[in-house]
Each structure stands twice: as C-alpha cells, then as structure tokens.
Amino acid sequence: MSPGRAPRRRFILLAAATAAATLTLSACGGEGNKTGGGGSTNFVTGSGGISTVAKGERVAAPKLDGTSLADEPLDVADYKGKVVVLNIWGSWCGPCRAEAKHFAKVSQETADQGVQFIGINTRDAQKSLAVNFEKDFGVSYPSIFDPTGKLMLRFPKGTLNPVAIPSTVVLDRDGKIAARTLQGINAEELHTMIDPLIAEK
C-alpha cells in the first residue's frame, strides 16, 4: 500500500464509524421514521414533529397491558373514556430525562380534565433503575415495565406507531390513536397534543 493510501483508508474508516455512531444515537431522541410504515396514511406531521389523525380516520390502539413498576397489573384498556397519554421511555435515555419534568407537570394539570398518563418503561434491565427515575423526576402516574420493548411491536405498521425512544402516543376517549411524536417534548408541546382531544365531544 502506498503512503498516500493509509491516511485515506483511516479517514474512510473514521467516517464509517461516525455514521454508525450517529445511527445508534438516533434510537434515543431521533426523529425516526415519521410514517411508521410505507403506503398511504391518513395522518399529518406538523412542523414540531407531532403527527395527528382526524377523528373519523383513527384506528384502535393495540392491547397494551402488563405489570407496573409497582408490581401491579396495568391495562391501558381500563382507561377507555379518558384521553390517554402513553410515554415510551427509559431511564438511560437523555431526552427522556429532559422531558420527564414536563410530563409530571402536565399530568397533574390535566388529571381533572379526563386525562390519564401511562408510561411504558423499556430497555431498562433492572426495574429499580426505572423506579428511581420516577422518584427523581416526581412522576406519579403508573408505568408498565416492558424491558424487551414488546409493547411497541404491537402497534400496527403504517399507523402512528412508536418507533423511537422517547415516543409519545395519545389515544382519544374511544381508545383510538390520535397523535404521536418521536422525540422529547416540553409542556407546551404536550398541551398541543392533548388539548384538542380534551375538547372533543
């Protein structure tokens, strides 16, 4: 190999490693796949990365149940009749930590307006890590412990399925998927997702 080729080869390898690292990091906090599947969809993604579906075009959420971080049975279907905010998070995820205080705040603000927050904790090998996260950030609503991420796979492709961590999916009072974002969000953005559903009759 000529002397000129060695630096070039190192540059190519470094560029490839950087690209791989970027793809790995996008699993936590990246925009991800906006549509969640190919083909025709009935939802629109706004400039803030929040996708919504008109009331008549929504599909039912899948069965989402399991054991909570408090070791109690937890089934999202039990909250039908309420607007349900599902937040998929992990204690290891930086954007999840950044948004946690906003979720804790808005969950309390909207509790008397027929809104129920439920977390889906994923990729945490030890439940204690997730429990400590909730204590640190004042999260008082329940979370399903889903270390392998199987609940995310229950969402049909081509719908507003969560394909990144964090993701937030909002269900209307009929248990249908109405809104989704694939990134960490703040209180104002949460209200943008929730308030129109609170107002629906």
Protein backbone atom coordinates (compact mmCIF):
# COMPACT_ATOMS: atom_id res chain seq x y z
CA MET A 1 0.00 0.00 0.00
CA SER A 2 1.33 3.43 -0.93
CA PRO A 3 1.93 6.04 1.81
CA GLY A 4 -0.91 8.20 0.45
CA ARG A 5 -3.48 5.41 0.77
CA ALA A 6 -3.02 4.80 4.52
CA PRO A 7 -4.34 8.20 5.66
CA ARG A 8 -7.21 7.95 3.18
CA ARG A 9 -8.15 4.49 4.45
CA ARG A 10 -8.09 5.77 8.07
CA PHE A 11 -10.34 8.68 7.03
CA ILE A 12 -12.86 6.32 5.39
CA LEU A 13 -12.93 4.05 8.45
CA LEU A 14 -13.38 7.05 10.76
CA ALA A 15 -16.25 8.36 8.61
CA ALA A 16 -17.94 4.94 8.66
CA ALA A 17 -17.58 4.68 12.45
CA THR A 18 -19.04 8.18 12.89
CA ALA A 19 -22.04 7.32 10.72
CA ALA A 20 -22.65 4.12 12.70
CA ALA A 21 -22.50 6.02 16.00
CA THR A 22 -24.97 8.61 14.69
CA LEU A 23 -27.44 5.86 13.73
CA THR A 24 -27.10 4.28 17.17
CA LEU A 25 -27.79 7.56 18.95
CA SER A 26 -30.88 8.20 16.82
CA ALA A 27 -32.58 5.33 18.64
CA CYS A 28 -32.84 7.66 21.61
CA GLY A 29 -34.19 11.06 20.77
CA GLY A 30 -34.04 10.93 16.99
CA GLU A 31 -36.88 11.78 14.65
CA GLY A 32 -37.02 8.20 13.45
CA ASN A 33 -39.45 7.08 10.75
CA LYS A 34 -42.20 9.68 10.60
CA THR A 35 -44.75 7.45 8.92
CA GLY A 36 -44.00 4.23 10.75
CA GLY A 37 -44.54 2.27 7.53
CA GLY A 38 -44.99 2.55 3.83
CA GLY A 39 -48.11 3.14 1.81
CA SER A 40 -50.94 5.60 2.14
CA THR A 41 -51.56 7.10 5.57
CA ASN A 42 -54.26 9.35 6.98
CA PHE A 43 -52.12 11.41 9.34
CA VAL A 44 -50.28 14.68 9.05
CA THR A 45 -46.97 15.59 10.70
CA GLY A 46 -46.75 19.20 11.84
CA SER A 47 -43.64 21.37 11.89
CA GLY A 48 -42.99 20.43 15.53
CA GLY A 49 -42.77 16.72 14.71
CA ILE A 50 -46.27 16.00 16.07
CA SER A 51 -48.41 13.77 13.84
CA THR A 52 -52.20 13.82 14.16
CA VAL A 53 -55.15 11.92 12.72
CA ALA A 54 -58.65 13.32 12.09
CA LYS A 55 -61.32 11.83 14.32
CA GLY A 56 -63.04 9.76 11.63
CA GLU A 57 -59.79 8.20 10.38
CA ARG A 58 -58.23 6.91 13.60
CA VAL A 59 -57.50 3.25 14.31
CA ALA A 60 -57.81 1.46 17.62
CA ALA A 61 -54.73 1.10 19.80
CA PRO A 62 -53.48 -2.46 20.30
CA LYS A 63 -53.79 -4.35 23.55
CA LEU A 64 -51.29 -2.72 25.92
CA ASP A 65 -51.03 -4.42 29.26
CA GLY A 66 -48.52 -5.83 31.69
CA THR A 67 -47.12 -5.31 35.16
CA SER A 68 -46.47 -1.85 36.52
CA LEU A 69 -43.26 -0.70 38.19
CA ALA A 70 -45.22 -1.12 41.43
CA ASP A 71 -45.73 -4.82 40.55
CA GLU A 72 -49.46 -4.40 39.90
CA PRO A 73 -51.46 -5.36 36.79
CA LEU A 74 -51.85 -2.42 34.40
CA ASP A 75 -54.07 -2.40 31.31
CA VAL A 76 -54.46 0.70 29.13
CA ALA A 77 -57.94 -0.51 28.08
CA ASP A 78 -59.16 0.13 31.64
CA TYR A 79 -58.87 3.87 30.93
CA LYS A 80 -61.16 3.92 27.89
CA GLY A 81 -63.36 7.01 28.20
CA LYS A 82 -60.34 9.13 29.07
CA VAL A 83 -57.71 10.76 26.89
CA VAL A 84 -54.66 8.53 27.45
CA VAL A 85 -51.10 9.83 27.05
CA LEU A 86 -48.61 7.00 26.51
CA ASN A 87 -44.97 7.91 27.01
CA ILE A 88 -42.37 5.33 25.96
CA TRP A 89 -39.20 5.98 27.96
CA GLY A 90 -36.07 4.52 29.54
CA SER A 91 -34.03 5.73 32.49
CA TRP A 92 -30.88 5.54 30.32
CA CYS A 93 -32.29 7.94 27.70
CA GLY A 94 -31.13 11.60 27.83
CA PRO A 95 -34.19 13.09 26.06
CA CYS A 96 -36.42 11.06 28.40
CA ARG A 97 -34.77 12.73 31.39
CA ALA A 98 -35.17 16.15 29.78
CA GLU A 99 -38.90 15.71 29.17
CA ALA A 100 -39.80 13.91 32.43
CA LYS A 101 -40.47 17.08 34.47
CA HIS A 102 -42.84 18.31 31.74
CA PHE A 103 -44.79 15.05 31.78
CA ALA A 104 -45.03 15.11 35.58
CA LYS A 105 -46.32 18.71 35.47
CA VAL A 106 -48.87 18.28 32.67
CA SER A 107 -50.17 15.00 34.08
CA GLN A 108 -51.15 16.86 37.24
CA GLU A 109 -52.57 19.85 35.33
CA THR A 110 -54.88 17.67 33.23
CA ALA A 111 -55.87 14.95 35.71
CA ASP A 112 -59.26 16.57 36.45
CA GLN A 113 -59.96 17.03 32.72
CA GLY A 114 -60.29 13.32 31.98
CA VAL A 115 -56.65 12.70 31.02
CA GLN A 116 -54.62 9.69 32.17
CA PHE A 117 -50.86 9.45 31.67
CA ILE A 118 -49.29 5.99 31.45
CA GLY A 119 -45.61 5.30 30.91
CA ILE A 120 -44.13 2.33 29.09
CA ASN A 121 -40.67 1.80 30.50
CA THR A 122 -38.43 -0.06 28.07
CA ARG A 123 -34.84 -1.30 27.71
CA ASP A 124 -34.19 -0.99 31.46
CA ALA A 125 -32.72 -4.31 32.58
CA GLN A 126 -33.46 -3.59 36.24
CA LYS A 127 -36.79 -2.28 37.46
CA SER A 128 -35.04 -0.35 40.24
CA LEU A 129 -33.46 1.98 37.65
CA ALA A 130 -36.90 2.94 36.37
CA VAL A 131 -38.36 3.30 39.89
CA ASN A 132 -35.53 5.65 40.89
CA PHE A 133 -36.03 7.67 37.69
CA GLU A 134 -39.70 8.25 38.58
CA LYS A 135 -38.79 9.30 42.12
CA ASP A 136 -36.10 11.69 40.89
CA PHE A 137 -38.45 13.44 38.46
CA GLY A 138 -41.66 13.37 40.52
CA VAL A 139 -43.53 11.10 38.11
CA SER A 140 -46.67 9.95 39.92
CA TYR A 141 -48.58 8.18 37.13
CA PRO A 142 -48.07 4.43 36.54
CA SER A 143 -45.71 2.83 34.03
CA ILE A 144 -45.78 -0.64 32.51
CA PHE A 145 -42.42 -2.40 32.86
CA ASP A 146 -41.52 -3.60 29.35
CA PRO A 147 -37.76 -4.28 29.31
CA THR A 148 -37.74 -6.03 25.91
CA GLY A 149 -39.91 -3.46 24.11
CA LYS A 150 -42.60 -5.97 23.11
CA LEU A 151 -45.45 -3.47 23.58
CA MET A 152 -44.03 -1.14 20.92
CA LEU A 153 -44.22 -4.03 18.44
CA ARG A 154 -47.96 -4.44 18.99
CA PHE A 155 -48.73 -1.19 17.17
CA PRO A 156 -49.70 -1.80 13.52
CA LYS A 157 -47.18 -0.52 10.97
CA GLY A 158 -48.46 2.38 8.90
CA THR A 159 -50.26 3.85 11.91
CA LEU A 160 -48.89 6.31 14.43
CA ASN A 161 -46.76 3.57 15.96
CA PRO A 162 -43.89 4.47 18.31
CA VAL A 163 -40.58 3.65 16.63
CA ALA A 164 -38.13 5.58 18.81
CA ILE A 165 -37.35 6.24 22.45
CA PRO A 166 -38.75 8.54 23.63
CA SER A 167 -42.06 8.43 21.80
CA THR A 168 -45.41 9.78 22.94
CA VAL A 169 -48.72 8.47 21.64
CA VAL A 170 -52.07 9.99 22.62
CA LEU A 171 -55.31 7.99 22.50
CA ASP A 172 -58.72 9.60 22.26
CA ARG A 173 -61.59 8.69 24.59
CA ASP A 174 -62.53 5.78 22.31
CA GLY A 175 -59.08 4.23 22.69
CA LYS A 176 -58.01 5.22 19.17
CA ILE A 177 -54.59 6.59 18.19
CA ALA A 178 -54.94 10.34 17.67
CA ALA A 179 -51.45 11.85 17.92
CA ARG A 180 -47.78 10.89 18.12
CA THR A 181 -44.33 12.37 18.37
CA LEU A 182 -40.99 10.57 18.09
CA GLN A 183 -38.87 12.99 20.11
CA GLY A 184 -38.59 14.51 23.56
CA ILE A 185 -41.16 17.27 24.10
CA ASN A 186 -41.97 20.03 26.57
CA ALA A 187 -45.15 21.04 28.39
CA GLU A 188 -46.37 23.34 25.61
CA GLU A 189 -45.99 20.60 23.00
CA LEU A 190 -47.78 18.13 25.26
CA HIS A 191 -50.72 20.52 25.53
CA THR A 192 -50.70 20.84 21.73
CA MET A 193 -51.28 17.08 21.55
CA ILE A 194 -53.74 16.77 24.43
CA ASP A 195 -55.93 19.89 24.47
CA PRO A 196 -57.76 19.27 21.17
CA LEU A 197 -58.70 15.79 22.40
CA ILE A 198 -59.94 17.13 25.74
CA ALA A 199 -62.21 19.47 23.76
CA GLU A 200 -63.62 16.71 21.53
CA LYS A 201 -67.20 15.68 22.15
